[in-house]
Amino acid sequence: MLLVRRVAGAVLVVMLASACAIQGSAGPAAHPTPPAVELPPRPREVRLDGVDPCSLLTDEQREKLGLDGRPVFSQAPVGLYRGAEVPSCTTGGFEPRAVTVGVSLVTSVGIERFTSGELAAELRPIEVRGFPALVAVPTRFTDYCTVVVDVAAGQLLDVQFATGGRQPPIPQPQLCRDAETVAGEVMATLVDH
């Protein structure tokens, strides 16, 4: 079981690092760069410095979300965030469905990393607990979805929700809805922190 958790954490870090690669990084872009996305201002700043990502989903929240695995903390450089060390917490769920959730606290770049139009993801603006956010649907993969929340200048909350590998796979639109739900729960804890 420990090996499964470590592999799930490593897979999540790899997905985070490669999922929204810069368009055209492997040659000319196959599709034109989408227009930049504009978001409304955040209601206030919620700084992420020194916050433990594994403290942001309570036992009750994890139970409600079907996350019965033990939260696992990791910190690794992430190319998407310009190689900065990003603290993350990965938690799995096995019943009633196999899923993996990653909560990453990015203090090296803000949400403008996503709104620049440079990443290979379809973006949909949303609001999470009053904060501007984006659903970032990767165009190269269908086994996960990401929600990023604009929490402070130069900082963002990154929540990934991924299928755990069972068949049939969880459809990506459902993964996106689940990522939104998790982001809402994390923000509820974060604003009360």
Protein backbone atom coordinates (compact mmCIF):
# COMPACT_ATOMS: atom_id res chain seq x y z
CA MET A 1 0.00 0.00 0.00
CA LEU A 2 2.87 2.39 0.79
CA LEU A 3 4.37 1.73 -2.65
CA VAL A 4 1.00 2.56 -4.27
CA ARG A 5 0.88 5.87 -2.39
CA ARG A 6 4.46 6.77 -3.37
CA VAL A 7 3.78 5.91 -7.01
CA ALA A 8 0.56 7.98 -6.93
CA GLY A 9 2.50 10.93 -5.50
CA ALA A 10 5.23 10.59 -8.13
CA VAL A 11 2.64 10.33 -10.91
CA LEU A 12 0.93 13.49 -9.66
CA VAL A 13 4.20 15.43 -9.63
CA VAL A 14 4.93 14.28 -13.20
CA MET A 15 1.42 15.29 -14.33
CA LEU A 16 1.78 18.67 -12.65
CA ALA A 17 5.12 19.22 -14.33
CA SER A 18 4.08 18.19 -17.83
CA ALA A 19 0.34 18.59 -18.15
CA CYS A 20 0.04 22.16 -19.24
CA ALA A 21 3.24 22.35 -21.20
CA ILE A 22 3.94 25.53 -23.06
CA GLN A 23 2.39 25.38 -26.50
CA GLY A 24 4.90 24.91 -29.25
CA SER A 25 7.67 23.71 -26.92
CA ALA A 26 8.14 20.61 -29.11
CA GLY A 27 7.98 22.57 -32.37
CA PRO A 28 5.36 24.76 -34.00
CA ALA A 29 2.00 24.87 -32.24
CA ALA A 30 -0.61 22.65 -33.87
CA HIS A 31 -3.30 25.13 -32.85
CA PRO A 32 -3.21 28.91 -32.66
CA THR A 33 -2.53 30.30 -29.21
CA PRO A 34 -5.85 31.06 -27.52
CA PRO A 35 -6.56 34.61 -26.38
CA ALA A 36 -5.45 35.52 -22.88
CA VAL A 37 -8.03 35.08 -20.14
CA GLU A 38 -8.89 37.98 -17.87
CA LEU A 39 -10.12 37.43 -14.33
CA PRO A 40 -11.75 39.79 -11.84
CA PRO A 41 -9.69 41.01 -8.88
CA ARG A 42 -9.42 38.75 -5.83
CA PRO A 43 -11.42 39.91 -2.78
CA ARG A 44 -8.30 39.85 -0.58
CA GLU A 45 -4.93 38.13 -0.34
CA VAL A 46 -4.50 34.75 1.32
CA ARG A 47 -0.75 34.10 1.43
CA LEU A 48 0.47 30.51 1.14
CA ASP A 49 3.94 30.98 2.63
CA GLY A 50 4.58 28.39 5.34
CA VAL A 51 1.21 26.64 4.96
CA ASP A 52 1.24 22.83 5.06
CA PRO A 53 -0.81 21.61 2.07
CA CYS A 54 -1.76 18.46 4.00
CA SER A 55 -3.52 20.64 6.60
CA LEU A 56 -6.00 22.04 4.08
CA LEU A 57 -8.37 19.06 3.88
CA THR A 58 -9.67 18.00 7.27
CA ASP A 59 -10.51 14.39 8.11
CA GLU A 60 -14.21 15.25 7.72
CA GLN A 61 -13.65 16.89 4.32
CA ARG A 62 -11.58 13.94 3.06
CA GLU A 63 -14.27 11.52 4.20
CA LYS A 64 -16.98 13.56 2.45
CA LEU A 65 -14.87 13.61 -0.74
CA GLY A 66 -14.23 9.84 -0.68
CA LEU A 67 -10.51 10.22 0.04
CA ASP A 68 -9.73 7.32 2.35
CA GLY A 69 -5.97 7.23 1.72
CA ARG A 70 -3.40 8.82 4.01
CA PRO A 71 -2.26 12.31 2.88
CA VAL A 72 1.35 12.28 1.66
CA PHE A 73 3.47 15.46 1.67
CA SER A 74 6.10 16.04 -1.00
CA GLN A 75 8.14 18.95 -2.28
CA ALA A 76 9.75 18.95 -5.70
CA PRO A 77 10.82 21.33 -8.47
CA VAL A 78 8.01 21.81 -11.02
CA GLY A 79 8.80 22.93 -14.56
CA LEU A 80 5.35 24.44 -15.04
CA TYR A 81 6.17 26.82 -12.20
CA ARG A 82 9.62 27.73 -13.56
CA GLY A 83 11.38 24.96 -11.67
CA ALA A 84 10.40 26.25 -8.25
CA GLU A 85 10.08 23.84 -5.33
CA VAL A 86 6.35 23.33 -4.79
CA PRO A 87 4.95 21.80 -1.58
CA SER A 88 2.16 19.35 -2.38
CA CYS A 89 -0.12 16.93 -0.63
CA THR A 90 -1.43 13.86 -2.43
CA THR A 91 -4.36 11.83 -1.16
CA GLY A 92 -6.02 8.83 -2.74
CA GLY A 93 -9.47 7.42 -2.61
CA PHE A 94 -10.24 3.78 -3.26
CA GLU A 95 -13.93 3.34 -2.36
CA PRO A 96 -16.37 3.89 -3.96
CA ARG A 97 -13.99 4.85 -6.80
CA ALA A 98 -10.25 5.07 -7.34
CA VAL A 99 -9.06 8.69 -7.49
CA THR A 100 -6.01 10.78 -6.62
CA VAL A 101 -6.12 14.38 -5.45
CA GLY A 102 -3.15 16.72 -5.36
CA VAL A 103 -3.13 20.06 -3.54
CA SER A 104 -0.12 22.23 -4.41
CA LEU A 105 0.78 25.61 -2.94
CA VAL A 106 2.62 27.67 -5.53
CA THR A 107 4.48 30.70 -4.19
CA SER A 108 6.72 31.37 -7.21
CA VAL A 109 4.17 32.49 -9.83
CA GLY A 110 0.63 33.72 -9.84
CA ILE A 111 -2.41 32.80 -11.89
CA GLU A 112 -1.04 34.88 -14.77
CA ARG A 113 1.01 31.75 -15.59
CA PHE A 114 -2.27 30.28 -16.81
CA THR A 115 -3.93 33.40 -18.21
CA SER A 116 -1.07 34.24 -20.60
CA GLY A 117 -2.39 31.92 -23.32
CA GLU A 118 0.92 29.99 -23.42
CA LEU A 119 -0.25 26.67 -21.96
CA ALA A 120 -1.79 23.66 -23.71
CA ALA A 121 -5.03 23.69 -21.76
CA GLU A 122 -8.59 24.81 -22.29
CA LEU A 123 -9.41 27.40 -19.62
CA ARG A 124 -12.77 28.17 -18.08
CA PRO A 125 -13.03 31.03 -15.57
CA ILE A 126 -14.89 30.21 -12.35
CA GLU A 127 -15.11 31.51 -8.81
CA VAL A 128 -14.04 29.48 -5.77
CA ARG A 129 -15.22 30.85 -2.41
CA GLY A 130 -15.26 34.35 -3.90
CA PHE A 131 -11.77 34.09 -5.42
CA PRO A 132 -11.12 34.14 -9.18
CA ALA A 133 -10.08 30.75 -10.49
CA LEU A 134 -9.66 28.72 -13.64
CA VAL A 135 -10.56 25.19 -14.59
CA ALA A 136 -7.57 24.11 -16.70
CA VAL A 137 -8.52 21.13 -18.85
CA PRO A 138 -5.38 19.62 -20.37
CA THR A 139 -5.60 19.14 -24.12
CA ARG A 140 -3.11 16.27 -24.20
CA PHE A 141 -4.44 14.09 -21.36
CA THR A 142 -7.94 13.07 -20.26
CA ASP A 143 -7.24 11.32 -16.96
CA TYR A 144 -7.21 14.43 -14.74
CA CYS A 145 -8.33 18.04 -14.44
CA THR A 146 -6.86 21.05 -12.63
CA VAL A 147 -8.35 24.05 -10.84
CA VAL A 148 -6.06 26.98 -10.04
CA VAL A 149 -7.16 29.70 -7.64
CA ASP A 150 -5.76 33.25 -7.52
CA VAL A 151 -5.07 33.59 -3.79
CA ALA A 152 -2.42 36.33 -3.69
CA ALA A 153 -0.05 38.33 -5.89
CA GLY A 154 2.50 35.87 -7.27
CA GLN A 155 0.83 32.86 -5.60
CA LEU A 156 -1.80 30.30 -6.53
CA LEU A 157 -3.51 27.19 -5.24
CA ASP A 158 -3.32 24.25 -7.67
CA VAL A 159 -5.78 21.37 -7.20
CA GLN A 160 -5.60 18.32 -9.43
CA PHE A 161 -8.19 15.56 -9.47
CA ALA A 162 -7.19 12.38 -11.33
CA THR A 163 -8.71 9.01 -12.07
CA GLY A 164 -7.09 6.20 -10.11
CA GLY A 165 -6.81 3.80 -13.04
CA ARG A 166 -9.88 1.61 -12.65
CA GLN A 167 -12.03 0.77 -15.64
CA PRO A 168 -14.11 2.33 -16.94
CA PRO A 169 -12.18 5.59 -16.45
CA ILE A 170 -13.90 8.56 -14.87
CA PRO A 171 -14.91 11.00 -17.64
CA GLN A 172 -12.85 14.19 -17.67
CA PRO A 173 -15.86 16.52 -17.18
CA GLN A 174 -16.57 14.69 -13.91
CA LEU A 175 -12.92 15.01 -12.88
CA CYS A 176 -13.20 18.78 -13.48
CA ARG A 177 -16.35 19.01 -11.34
CA ASP A 178 -14.60 17.05 -8.60
CA ALA A 179 -11.52 19.32 -8.81
CA GLU A 180 -13.84 22.33 -8.34
CA THR A 181 -15.41 20.68 -5.29
CA VAL A 182 -12.02 19.93 -3.73
CA ALA A 183 -10.80 23.46 -4.46
CA GLY A 184 -13.87 24.81 -2.66
CA GLU A 185 -13.18 22.66 0.38
CA VAL A 186 -9.49 23.63 0.44
CA MET A 187 -10.34 27.34 0.14
CA ALA A 188 -12.89 27.04 2.96
CA THR A 189 -10.08 25.76 5.21
CA LEU A 190 -7.51 28.21 3.86
CA VAL A 191 -9.57 31.36 4.44
CA ASP A 192 -10.23 30.24 8.03
CA HIS A 193 -6.52 29.38 8.57
